[in-house]
Amino acid sequence: MPDEDDLEELREKKMEELKERQQGGEADEEAMRAQQEQAEAQKEAILRQYLTDGARKRLNSVKMSKPQHADQIEQQLVALAQSGRVQGQIDEEQMKQLLQELTPDSKSFDIQRR
């Protein structure tokens, strides 16, 4: 019965490989999660540094109504801040202007009558 012993040995090796892969995958997931948390903390720190209270409240209002749009705006603000194109803090009026510039015109449409 050497064939059965060989098969059993192969099964055990395969199970060990699968366990190692699973443990490696969990480590990768933890590393990715930690990296995402670090990036989120860095984004929050930058926004806290460059936005006044009024601008932060306005951004939070947008986040409540349109979360995906607010994430896009936050990414734009972080990119502007990291590139050095933001001088001082962004107040509520400047935030309104940025929101208008970054918001697509969803109300414009043409009606043609025949």
C-alpha atoms as a PDB file:
ATOM      1  CA  MET A   1       0.000   0.000   0.000  1.00  0.00           C
ATOM      2  CA  PRO A   2       2.760   2.548  -0.712  1.00  0.00           C
ATOM      3  CA  ASP A   3       0.405   4.448  -3.024  1.00  0.00           C
ATOM      4  CA  GLU A   4      -1.988   5.282  -0.178  1.00  0.00           C
ATOM      5  CA  ASP A   5       0.884   6.480   1.990  1.00  0.00           C
ATOM      6  CA  ASP A   6       2.136   8.686  -0.823  1.00  0.00           C
ATOM      7  CA  LEU A   7      -1.361  10.084  -1.349  1.00  0.00           C
ATOM      8  CA  GLU A   8      -1.751  10.809   2.349  1.00  0.00           C
ATOM      9  CA  GLU A   9       1.628  12.537   2.409  1.00  0.00           C
ATOM     10  CA  LEU A  10       0.676  14.671  -0.604  1.00  0.00           C
ATOM     11  CA  ARG A  11      -2.627  15.606   1.059  1.00  0.00           C
ATOM     12  CA  GLU A  12      -0.848  16.705   4.211  1.00  0.00           C
ATOM     13  CA  LYS A  13       1.618  18.821   2.219  1.00  0.00           C
ATOM     14  CA  LYS A  14      -1.221  20.404   0.278  1.00  0.00           C
ATOM     15  CA  MET A  15      -3.114  21.209   3.500  1.00  0.00           C
ATOM     16  CA  GLU A  16       0.015  22.818   4.976  1.00  0.00           C
ATOM     17  CA  GLU A  17       0.479  24.920   1.835  1.00  0.00           C
ATOM     18  CA  LEU A  18      -3.148  26.055   1.970  1.00  0.00           C
ATOM     19  CA  LYS A  19      -2.805  27.009   5.645  1.00  0.00           C
ATOM     20  CA  GLU A  20       0.352  29.006   4.894  1.00  0.00           C
ATOM     21  CA  ARG A  21      -1.343  30.815   2.019  1.00  0.00           C
ATOM     22  CA  GLN A  22      -4.327  31.647   4.190  1.00  0.00           C
ATOM     23  CA  GLN A  23      -2.113  33.027   6.948  1.00  0.00           C
ATOM     24  CA  GLY A  24      -0.146  35.031   4.386  1.00  0.00           C
ATOM     25  CA  GLY A  25      -3.397  36.407   2.958  1.00  0.00           C
ATOM     26  CA  GLU A  26      -4.547  37.501   6.410  1.00  0.00           C
ATOM     27  CA  ALA A  27      -1.252  39.324   6.942  1.00  0.00           C
ATOM     28  CA  ASP A  28      -1.672  41.085   3.581  1.00  0.00           C
ATOM     29  CA  GLU A  29      -5.219  42.124   4.496  1.00  0.00           C
ATOM     30  CA  GLU A  30      -4.030  43.507   7.829  1.00  0.00           C
ATOM     31  CA  ALA A  31      -1.240  45.440   6.117  1.00  0.00           C
ATOM     32  CA  MET A  32      -3.682  46.890   3.578  1.00  0.00           C
ATOM     33  CA  ARG A  33      -6.153  47.804   6.311  1.00  0.00           C
ATOM     34  CA  ALA A  34      -3.407  49.512   8.329  1.00  0.00           C
ATOM     35  CA  GLN A  35      -2.257  51.390   5.232  1.00  0.00           C
ATOM     36  CA  GLN A  36      -5.825  52.566   4.510  1.00  0.00           C
ATOM     37  CA  GLU A  37      -6.266  53.708   8.114  1.00  0.00           C
ATOM     38  CA  GLN A  38      -2.985  55.617   7.948  1.00  0.00           C
ATOM     39  CA  ALA A  39      -3.990  57.302   4.678  1.00  0.00           C
ATOM     40  CA  GLU A  40      -7.382  58.226   6.167  1.00  0.00           C
ATOM     41  CA  ALA A  41      -5.722  59.706   9.271  1.00  0.00           C
ATOM     42  CA  GLN A  42      -3.328  61.708   7.089  1.00  0.00           C
ATOM     43  CA  LYS A  43      -6.246  63.009   4.994  1.00  0.00           C
ATOM     44  CA  GLU A  44      -8.136  64.058   8.127  1.00  0.00           C
ATOM     45  CA  ALA A  45      -5.059  65.851   9.483  1.00  0.00           C
ATOM     46  CA  ILE A  46      -4.597  67.775   6.244  1.00  0.00           C
ATOM     47  CA  LEU A  47      -8.269  68.739   6.110  1.00  0.00           C
ATOM     48  CA  ARG A  48      -8.173  69.851   9.757  1.00  0.00           C
ATOM     49  CA  GLN A  49      -5.113  71.973   9.008  1.00  0.00           C
ATOM     50  CA  TYR A  50      -6.414  73.696   5.870  1.00  0.00           C
ATOM     51  CA  LEU A  51     -10.175  74.057   6.510  1.00  0.00           C
ATOM     52  CA  THR A  52     -11.857  76.490   8.852  1.00  0.00           C
ATOM     53  CA  ASP A  53     -14.767  75.327  11.003  1.00  0.00           C
ATOM     54  CA  GLY A  54     -17.326  76.760   8.580  1.00  0.00           C
ATOM     55  CA  ALA A  55     -15.712  75.053   5.592  1.00  0.00           C
ATOM     56  CA  ARG A  56     -15.527  71.765   7.485  1.00  0.00           C
ATOM     57  CA  LYS A  57     -19.247  72.028   8.375  1.00  0.00           C
ATOM     58  CA  ARG A  58     -20.126  72.692   4.745  1.00  0.00           C
ATOM     59  CA  LEU A  59     -18.058  69.705   3.617  1.00  0.00           C
ATOM     60  CA  ASN A  60     -19.756  67.536   6.245  1.00  0.00           C
ATOM     61  CA  SER A  61     -23.144  68.673   4.935  1.00  0.00           C
ATOM     62  CA  VAL A  62     -22.151  67.611   1.442  1.00  0.00           C
ATOM     63  CA  LYS A  63     -20.865  64.325   2.849  1.00  0.00           C
ATOM     64  CA  MET A  64     -24.271  63.627   4.408  1.00  0.00           C
ATOM     65  CA  SER A  65     -26.159  64.194   1.172  1.00  0.00           C
ATOM     66  CA  LYS A  66     -23.628  62.971  -1.404  1.00  0.00           C
ATOM     67  CA  PRO A  67     -20.877  60.854   0.199  1.00  0.00           C
ATOM     68  CA  GLN A  68     -19.166  59.904  -3.055  1.00  0.00           C
ATOM     69  CA  HIS A  69     -19.051  63.514  -4.203  1.00  0.00           C
ATOM     70  CA  ALA A  70     -17.660  64.593  -0.823  1.00  0.00           C
ATOM     71  CA  ASP A  71     -14.913  61.957  -1.048  1.00  0.00           C
ATOM     72  CA  GLN A  72     -13.965  63.303  -4.462  1.00  0.00           C
ATOM     73  CA  ILE A  73     -13.828  66.849  -3.088  1.00  0.00           C
ATOM     74  CA  GLU A  74     -11.734  65.731  -0.116  1.00  0.00           C
ATOM     75  CA  GLN A  75      -9.269  64.057  -2.474  1.00  0.00           C
ATOM     76  CA  GLN A  76      -9.056  67.254  -4.539  1.00  0.00           C
ATOM     77  CA  LEU A  77      -8.450  69.336  -1.411  1.00  0.00           C
ATOM     78  CA  VAL A  78      -5.733  66.987  -0.184  1.00  0.00           C
ATOM     79  CA  ALA A  79      -4.069  67.046  -3.594  1.00  0.00           C
ATOM     80  CA  LEU A  80      -4.172  70.855  -3.645  1.00  0.00           C
ATOM     81  CA  ALA A  81      -2.728  71.039  -0.143  1.00  0.00           C
ATOM     82  CA  GLN A  82       0.035  68.527  -0.845  1.00  0.00           C
ATOM     83  CA  SER A  83       1.032  70.306  -4.038  1.00  0.00           C
ATOM     84  CA  GLY A  84       1.318  73.589  -2.132  1.00  0.00           C
ATOM     85  CA  ARG A  85      -1.427  75.409  -4.045  1.00  0.00           C
ATOM     86  CA  VAL A  86      -3.365  76.276  -0.875  1.00  0.00           C
ATOM     87  CA  GLN A  87      -2.267  79.450   0.853  1.00  0.00           C
ATOM     88  CA  GLY A  88      -3.603  79.724   4.393  1.00  0.00           C
ATOM     89  CA  GLN A  89      -6.893  78.203   5.366  1.00  0.00           C
ATOM     90  CA  ILE A  90      -9.940  77.661   3.182  1.00  0.00           C
ATOM     91  CA  ASP A  91     -12.953  79.458   4.623  1.00  0.00           C
ATOM     92  CA  GLU A  92     -16.631  78.826   3.968  1.00  0.00           C
ATOM     93  CA  GLU A  93     -16.853  81.186   0.972  1.00  0.00           C
ATOM     94  CA  GLN A  94     -13.855  79.595  -0.702  1.00  0.00           C
ATOM     95  CA  MET A  95     -15.382  76.176   0.007  1.00  0.00           C
ATOM     96  CA  LYS A  96     -18.613  77.288  -1.705  1.00  0.00           C
ATOM     97  CA  GLN A  97     -16.606  78.332  -4.759  1.00  0.00           C
ATOM     98  CA  LEU A  98     -14.702  75.027  -4.802  1.00  0.00           C
ATOM     99  CA  LEU A  99     -17.947  73.089  -4.508  1.00  0.00           C
ATOM    100  CA  GLN A 100     -19.441  75.012  -7.412  1.00  0.00           C
ATOM    101  CA  GLU A 101     -16.371  74.415  -9.546  1.00  0.00           C
ATOM    102  CA  LEU A 102     -16.167  70.713  -8.724  1.00  0.00           C
ATOM    103  CA  THR A 103     -19.892  69.992  -8.945  1.00  0.00           C
ATOM    104  CA  PRO A 104     -20.971  68.857 -12.390  1.00  0.00           C
ATOM    105  CA  ASP A 105     -23.873  70.683 -13.985  1.00  0.00           C
ATOM    106  CA  SER A 106     -26.587  68.094 -13.641  1.00  0.00           C
ATOM    107  CA  LYS A 107     -29.392  70.576 -14.325  1.00  0.00           C
ATOM    108  CA  SER A 108     -28.419  71.493 -17.863  1.00  0.00           C
ATOM    109  CA  PHE A 109     -30.337  69.721 -20.604  1.00  0.00           C
ATOM    110  CA  ASP A 110     -31.745  70.547 -24.001  1.00  0.00           C
ATOM    111  CA  ILE A 111     -35.316  70.078 -25.100  1.00  0.00           C
ATOM    112  CA  GLN A 112     -35.968  69.997 -28.804  1.00  0.00           C
ATOM    113  CA  ARG A 113     -39.467  70.269 -30.147  1.00  0.00           C
ATOM    114  CA  ARG A 114     -40.397  69.095 -33.580  1.00  0.00           C
END
